[in-house]
Every structure is written in structure tokens, then in C-alpha cells.
C-alpha atoms as a PDB file:
ATOM      1  CA  MET A   1     103.701 -31.136 -24.170  1.00  0.00           C
ATOM      2  CA  LYS A   2     104.295 -28.843 -27.095  1.00  0.00           C
ATOM      3  CA  ASP A   3     107.399 -26.388 -26.790  1.00  0.00           C
ATOM      4  CA  THR A   4     106.360 -22.696 -26.581  1.00  0.00           C
ATOM      5  CA  GLN A   5     109.915 -21.213 -26.888  1.00  0.00           C
ATOM      6  CA  TRP A   6     110.881 -19.341 -29.895  1.00  0.00           C
ATOM      7  CA  PRO A   7     114.044 -20.723 -31.488  1.00  0.00           C
ATOM      8  CA  ILE A   8     117.435 -20.047 -30.188  1.00  0.00           C
ATOM      9  CA  TYR A   9     119.898 -18.207 -32.195  1.00  0.00           C
ATOM     10  CA  GLN A  10     123.588 -17.833 -31.386  1.00  0.00           C
ATOM     11  CA  VAL A  11     125.043 -14.389 -31.661  1.00  0.00           C
ATOM     12  CA  PHE A  12     128.389 -13.207 -32.644  1.00  0.00           C
ATOM     13  CA  HIS A  13     129.646  -9.742 -32.294  1.00  0.00           C
ATOM     14  CA  GLN A  14     132.760  -8.027 -34.011  1.00  0.00           C
ATOM     15  CA  GLU A  15     134.006  -5.083 -31.780  1.00  0.00           C
ATOM     16  CA  GLN A  16     136.499  -3.562 -34.610  1.00  0.00           C
ATOM     17  CA  PRO A  17     136.788  -4.197 -38.286  1.00  0.00           C
ATOM     18  CA  ASP A  18     140.099  -6.019 -37.769  1.00  0.00           C
ATOM     19  CA  ARG A  19     138.901  -8.196 -34.988  1.00  0.00           C
ATOM     20  CA  PRO A  20     137.062 -11.635 -35.492  1.00  0.00           C
ATOM     21  CA  HIS A  21     133.454 -12.209 -34.683  1.00  0.00           C
ATOM     22  CA  THR A  22     133.012 -14.024 -31.335  1.00  0.00           C
ATOM     23  CA  ASN A  23     130.319 -15.606 -29.599  1.00  0.00           C
ATOM     24  CA  ALA A  24     128.405 -13.400 -27.111  1.00  0.00           C
ATOM     25  CA  GLY A  25     125.696 -15.657 -26.132  1.00  0.00           C
ATOM     26  CA  ALA A  26     122.119 -16.358 -27.473  1.00  0.00           C
ATOM     27  CA  VAL A  27     118.649 -14.954 -28.043  1.00  0.00           C
ATOM     28  CA  HIS A  28     115.142 -16.423 -28.521  1.00  0.00           C
ATOM     29  CA  ALA A  29     113.370 -14.940 -31.751  1.00  0.00           C
ATOM     30  CA  PRO A  30     110.570 -16.156 -34.042  1.00  0.00           C
ATOM     31  CA  ASP A  31     112.935 -15.543 -37.023  1.00  0.00           C
ATOM     32  CA  ALA A  32     116.532 -14.508 -37.901  1.00  0.00           C
ATOM     33  CA  GLU A  33     115.695 -10.880 -38.517  1.00  0.00           C
ATOM     34  CA  LEU A  34     114.058 -10.292 -35.125  1.00  0.00           C
ATOM     35  CA  ALA A  35     116.890 -12.572 -33.566  1.00  0.00           C
ATOM     36  CA  LEU A  36     119.305  -9.933 -35.049  1.00  0.00           C
ATOM     37  CA  GLN A  37     117.278  -6.996 -33.495  1.00  0.00           C
ATOM     38  CA  ASN A  38     117.131  -8.982 -30.178  1.00  0.00           C
ATOM     39  CA  ALA A  39     120.895  -9.492 -30.198  1.00  0.00           C
ATOM     40  CA  ARG A  40     121.452  -5.667 -30.965  1.00  0.00           C
ATOM     41  CA  ASP A  41     119.240  -4.900 -27.869  1.00  0.00           C
ATOM     42  CA  VAL A  42     120.871  -7.451 -25.581  1.00  0.00           C
ATOM     43  CA  PHE A  43     124.412  -7.429 -26.574  1.00  0.00           C
ATOM     44  CA  VAL A  44     125.355  -3.925 -28.035  1.00  0.00           C
ATOM     45  CA  ARG A  45     124.460  -1.647 -24.883  1.00  0.00           C
ATOM     46  CA  ARG A  46     127.789  -1.146 -23.804  1.00  0.00           C
ATOM     47  CA  PRO A  47     130.858  -2.691 -25.809  1.00  0.00           C
ATOM     48  CA  ASP A  48     131.904  -1.641 -29.230  1.00  0.00           C
ATOM     49  CA  CYS A  49     130.401  -3.365 -32.047  1.00  0.00           C
ATOM     50  CA  VAL A  50     130.787  -2.935 -35.768  1.00  0.00           C
ATOM     51  CA  SER A  51     128.912  -6.055 -36.948  1.00  0.00           C
ATOM     52  CA  LEU A  52     126.449  -8.697 -35.617  1.00  0.00           C
ATOM     53  CA  TRP A  53     125.753 -12.246 -36.939  1.00  0.00           C
ATOM     54  CA  VAL A  54     122.811 -14.582 -35.772  1.00  0.00           C
ATOM     55  CA  VAL A  55     122.691 -18.396 -36.450  1.00  0.00           C
ATOM     56  CA  PRO A  56     120.110 -20.869 -35.696  1.00  0.00           C
ATOM     57  CA  ALA A  57     121.454 -22.620 -32.684  1.00  0.00           C
ATOM     58  CA  ASP A  58     120.085 -26.156 -34.054  1.00  0.00           C
ATOM     59  CA  GLN A  59     122.126 -25.739 -37.278  1.00  0.00           C
ATOM     60  CA  ILE A  60     125.547 -25.236 -35.623  1.00  0.00           C
ATOM     61  CA  PHE A  61     127.536 -28.416 -35.790  1.00  0.00           C
ATOM     62  CA  SER A  62     129.970 -28.882 -32.893  1.00  0.00           C
ATOM     63  CA  LEU A  63     132.761 -31.234 -31.906  1.00  0.00           C
ATOM     64  CA  THR A  64     134.970 -30.965 -28.632  1.00  0.00           C
ATOM     65  CA  ALA A  65     138.625 -32.030 -28.304  1.00  0.00           C
ATOM     66  CA  GLU A  66     137.280 -34.894 -25.847  1.00  0.00           C
ATOM     67  CA  GLU A  67     135.238 -36.383 -28.679  1.00  0.00           C
ATOM     68  CA  ILE A  68     138.014 -36.505 -31.072  1.00  0.00           C
ATOM     69  CA  GLU A  69     140.220 -38.040 -28.675  1.00  0.00           C
ATOM     70  CA  ARG A  70     137.730 -40.713 -28.101  1.00  0.00           C
ATOM     71  CA  ALA A  71     136.664 -41.596 -31.474  1.00  0.00           C
ATOM     72  CA  GLY A  72     138.827 -39.755 -33.723  1.00  0.00           C
ATOM     73  CA  LEU A  73     137.887 -37.202 -36.714  1.00  0.00           C
ATOM     74  CA  PRO A  74     134.800 -37.710 -38.506  1.00  0.00           C
ATOM     75  CA  PRO A  75     135.833 -39.600 -41.862  1.00  0.00           C
ATOM     76  CA  THR A  76     136.113 -37.426 -45.108  1.00  0.00           C
ATOM     77  CA  PRO A  77     133.146 -38.580 -47.150  1.00  0.00           C
ATOM     78  CA  ALA A  78     133.461 -39.117 -51.100  1.00  0.00           C
ATOM     79  CA  GLY A  79     132.826 -36.224 -53.098  1.00  0.00           C
ATOM     80  CA  ASN A  80     129.405 -37.325 -54.063  1.00  0.00           C
ATOM     81  CA  GLY A  81     127.399 -34.526 -52.709  1.00  0.00           C
ATOM     82  CA  ASP A  82     127.253 -30.608 -53.472  1.00  0.00           C
ATOM     83  CA  SER A  83     129.652 -28.791 -51.381  1.00  0.00           C
ATOM     84  CA  GLN A  84     128.841 -25.633 -49.631  1.00  0.00           C
ATOM     85  CA  ARG A  85     130.792 -23.114 -47.352  1.00  0.00           C
ATOM     86  CA  TYR A  86     130.896 -23.476 -43.577  1.00  0.00           C
ATOM     87  CA  LEU A  87     132.108 -20.851 -41.344  1.00  0.00           C
ATOM     88  CA  VAL A  88     134.272 -22.259 -38.667  1.00  0.00           C
ATOM     89  CA  PHE A  89     134.589 -21.092 -34.951  1.00  0.00           C
ATOM     90  CA  LEU A  90     136.950 -22.402 -32.515  1.00  0.00           C
ATOM     91  CA  LYS A  91     136.907 -22.218 -28.569  1.00  0.00           C
ATOM     92  CA  ARG A  92     140.358 -22.209 -27.251  1.00  0.00           C
ATOM     93  CA  THR A  93     139.992 -21.524 -23.580  1.00  0.00           C
ATOM     94  CA  GLN A  94     137.449 -22.555 -20.701  1.00  0.00           C
ATOM     95  CA  ALA A  95     136.669 -19.000 -19.965  1.00  0.00           C
ATOM     96  CA  GLY A  96     136.976 -17.807 -23.772  1.00  0.00           C
ATOM     97  CA  SER A  97     134.240 -17.721 -26.265  1.00  0.00           C
ATOM     98  CA  HIS A  98     134.060 -19.015 -29.753  1.00  0.00           C
ATOM     99  CA  GLU A  99     136.154 -17.310 -32.494  1.00  0.00           C
ATOM    100  CA  HIS A 100     135.494 -17.115 -36.088  1.00  0.00           C
ATOM    101  CA  VAL A 101     138.628 -18.513 -37.754  1.00  0.00           C
ATOM    102  CA  GLY A 102     137.673 -19.075 -41.211  1.00  0.00           C
ATOM    103  CA  ALA A 103     135.702 -21.255 -43.632  1.00  0.00           C
ATOM    104  CA  VAL A 104     135.832 -24.600 -45.167  1.00  0.00           C
ATOM    105  CA  SER A 105     133.778 -26.095 -47.991  1.00  0.00           C
ATOM    106  CA  ALA A 106     132.075 -29.632 -47.419  1.00  0.00           C
ATOM    107  CA  SER A 107     129.156 -31.519 -48.265  1.00  0.00           C
ATOM    108  CA  SER A 108     127.577 -31.827 -44.748  1.00  0.00           C
ATOM    109  CA  GLY A 109     128.174 -30.590 -41.373  1.00  0.00           C
ATOM    110  CA  PRO A 110     129.977 -33.457 -39.903  1.00  0.00           C
ATOM    111  CA  ALA A 111     132.220 -33.461 -43.152  1.00  0.00           C
ATOM    112  CA  ALA A 112     133.005 -29.576 -42.565  1.00  0.00           C
ATOM    113  CA  LEU A 113     133.818 -30.386 -38.653  1.00  0.00           C
ATOM    114  CA  GLY A 114     136.357 -32.744 -39.930  1.00  0.00           C
ATOM    115  CA  GLU A 115     137.781 -30.563 -42.343  1.00  0.00           C
ATOM    116  CA  ALA A 116     137.981 -27.726 -40.096  1.00  0.00           C
ATOM    117  CA  VAL A 117     139.916 -29.882 -37.581  1.00  0.00           C
ATOM    118  CA  ARG A 118     142.449 -30.763 -40.328  1.00  0.00           C
ATOM    119  CA  SER A 119     142.572 -27.100 -41.559  1.00  0.00           C
ATOM    120  CA  PHE A 120     142.902 -25.485 -38.154  1.00  0.00           C
ATOM    121  CA  GLY A 121     144.613 -27.836 -36.233  1.00  0.00           C
ATOM    122  CA  THR A 122     143.912 -29.596 -32.827  1.00  0.00           C
ATOM    123  CA  GLU A 123     146.544 -28.007 -30.693  1.00  0.00           C
ATOM    124  CA  GLU A 124     144.819 -24.975 -29.411  1.00  0.00           C
ATOM    125  CA  ALA A 125     141.091 -25.652 -29.813  1.00  0.00           C
ATOM    126  CA  LEU A 126     138.674 -27.388 -27.254  1.00  0.00           C
ATOM    127  CA  VAL A 127     135.512 -26.902 -29.068  1.00  0.00           C
ATOM    128  CA  TRP A 128     134.812 -26.474 -33.044  1.00  0.00           C
ATOM    129  CA  TRP A 129     131.545 -25.087 -34.325  1.00  0.00           C
ATOM    130  CA  VAL A 130     130.856 -25.098 -37.907  1.00  0.00           C
ATOM    131  CA  VAL A 131     127.657 -23.681 -39.410  1.00  0.00           C
ATOM    132  CA  PRO A 132     126.535 -23.228 -43.218  1.00  0.00           C
ATOM    133  CA  GLU A 133     127.273 -19.421 -44.349  1.00  0.00           C
ATOM    134  CA  GLY A 134     124.120 -19.279 -45.990  1.00  0.00           C
ATOM    135  CA  LEU A 135     122.191 -19.479 -42.707  1.00  0.00           C
ATOM    136  CA  VAL A 136     123.771 -16.560 -41.094  1.00  0.00           C
ATOM    137  CA  GLU A 137     122.048 -13.391 -40.796  1.00  0.00           C
ATOM    138  CA  ARG A 138     124.205 -10.273 -40.705  1.00  0.00           C
ATOM    139  CA  THR A 139     123.829  -6.504 -39.956  1.00  0.00           C
ATOM    140  CA  ASP A 140     124.360  -4.383 -43.257  1.00  0.00           C
ATOM    141  CA  ALA A 141     127.428  -2.464 -43.116  1.00  0.00           C
ATOM    142  CA  ALA A 142     125.294   0.600 -44.280  1.00  0.00           C
ATOM    143  CA  GLU A 143     123.246   0.491 -41.255  1.00  0.00           C
ATOM    144  CA  VAL A 144     126.120   0.246 -38.685  1.00  0.00           C
ATOM    145  CA  GLY A 145     125.639   3.772 -37.711  1.00  0.00           C
ATOM    146  CA  SER A 146     122.028   3.638 -36.895  1.00  0.00           C
ATOM    147  CA  LEU A 147     122.243   0.329 -35.343  1.00  0.00           C
ATOM    148  CA  PHE A 148     124.973   0.895 -33.042  1.00  0.00           C
ATOM    149  CA  GLY A 149     125.617   4.541 -32.652  1.00  0.00           C
ATOM    150  CA  PRO A 150     122.970   5.118 -30.232  1.00  0.00           C
ATOM    151  CA  ALA A 151     124.581   2.643 -27.766  1.00  0.00           C
ATOM    152  CA  LYS A 152     127.522   4.952 -27.790  1.00  0.00           C
ATOM    153  CA  ASP A 153     125.800   7.884 -26.211  1.00  0.00           C
ATOM    154  CA  LYS A 154     124.057   6.011 -23.379  1.00  0.00           C
ATOM    155  CA  PRO A 155     126.435   6.384 -20.364  1.00  0.00           C
ATOM    156  CA  TYR A 156     126.935   3.269 -18.392  1.00  0.00           C
ATOM    157  CA  ARG A 157     126.008   3.637 -14.950  1.00  0.00           C
ATOM    158  CA  ASP A 158     127.406   1.380 -12.323  1.00  0.00           C
ATOM    159  CA  GLN A 159     125.097   0.531  -9.374  1.00  0.00           C
ATOM    160  CA  ALA A 160     127.256   2.840  -7.214  1.00  0.00           C
ATOM    161  CA  PHE A 161     126.218   5.728  -9.154  1.00  0.00           C
ATOM    162  CA  TYR A 162     122.764   5.538  -7.620  1.00  0.00           C
ATOM    163  CA  HIS A 163     123.671   5.951  -4.019  1.00  0.00           C
ATOM    164  CA  THR A 164     121.021   3.897  -2.790  1.00  0.00           C
ATOM    165  CA  THR A 165     122.630   2.172  -0.118  1.00  0.00           C
ATOM    166  CA  THR A 166     123.860   5.363   1.226  1.00  0.00           C
ATOM    167  CA  LEU A 167     120.370   6.775   1.026  1.00  0.00           C
ATOM    168  CA  MET A 168     118.996   3.962   2.961  1.00  0.00           C
ATOM    169  CA  ARG A 169     121.321   4.211   5.457  1.00  0.00           C
ATOM    170  CA  GLN A 170     120.702   7.723   6.154  1.00  0.00           C
ATOM    171  CA  ILE A 171     117.098   7.090   6.224  1.00  0.00           C
ATOM    172  CA  ARG A 172     117.445   4.198   8.711  1.00  0.00           C
ATOM    173  CA  GLY A 173     119.661   6.565  10.816  1.00  0.00           C
ATOM    174  CA  ARG A 174     116.838   9.462  11.285  1.00  0.00           C
ATOM    175  CA  PRO A 175     114.623   9.295  13.974  1.00  0.00           C
ATOM    176  CA  ARG A 176     111.011   8.243  13.285  1.00  0.00           C
ATOM    177  CA  GLN A 177     108.440  11.090  12.868  1.00  0.00           C
ATOM    178  CA  GLU A 178     105.120  10.512  14.234  1.00  0.00           C
ATOM    179  CA  THR A 179     102.291  10.974  11.979  1.00  0.00           C
END
């Protein structure tokens, strides 16, 4: 059976300029540009946001603490390939999300994972993600106001705001009128 779903993109948002990008979730989209728009619509409705990144989920290389414990670190390959820059994300707690911690240079995704673990240590991390930096689609700093500004003007309304339950109780309590 042919897959009819659009590709999945992982979404990373940055709440303040001095904070790291953290994983907000995922969206489906036909391309990175629409993934960025979908990410804005889905993940920037209420929280503050100054930057969004989207990454094709199938281009993220991952490694867990359990995999390292079981099989060890990926070997460091000989320097026979062209090196590229990979962004490194760590997940430190079960309830937390992946947080951008820096970058490494490597010739492949598995090599980048090994380099990330060696560079950022194994003490606090449960899961490492690395992604080629060239595959990250980012919001443009010049468009921050138009992309994220409208969400600041929309009030957040909790379900209690609408008084539906109270209204239904009142309606149920009234005697029925014959028509």
C-alpha cells in the first residue's frame, strides 16, 4: 500500500533570544517551507516564540543512553570523507524535550552522534539527536514580528470562559414548555 501521508518534520521553537531551541513536536507537510508555516500555526498560538526551526524527521540521527550502554559509542571513522556541521540536541529527562546544545563536525550522521556524545558527555543525557545543519529550515529574523506578533494579541480562553456547563445546568433545570 502506498503511503499517502506527507513527510514528518520535527519542530523546534525558541521562546526568548537567550534560550535554546527546544523540540515542540512534529507536523506533516509536503516541503520545509510549508512545514514552517504549519509549525507556526500549531505551536505558536499561545507561548512566546522568537524563532522556529523545522527538520525532516527522517534526517535526524538518534542515539539513546541505553544503546550506548549496550553497544558503546559509534566508532570514530577515518578522516576520508567531507565533513559537515551537525546540530546537536539532548533530551535530559523523560518529561523534557530535546534541547539544542551546540554543533559538531563529522563526515556522517553516526559519526556525528559519536562526536556529540564525546563532546557533550553522557552524564545528563537520555537521548541525543543530530541533524545536518544544512537541512534546517528557519524563520527569518526580519519576519519575526509578522510571524509571531498576531499570536500575542489573541487572548487565551480556557474552557471555563465559555460557561457552557453552567448554561446547560440552567437549561436542564427549567421546566419544559409545551409547543
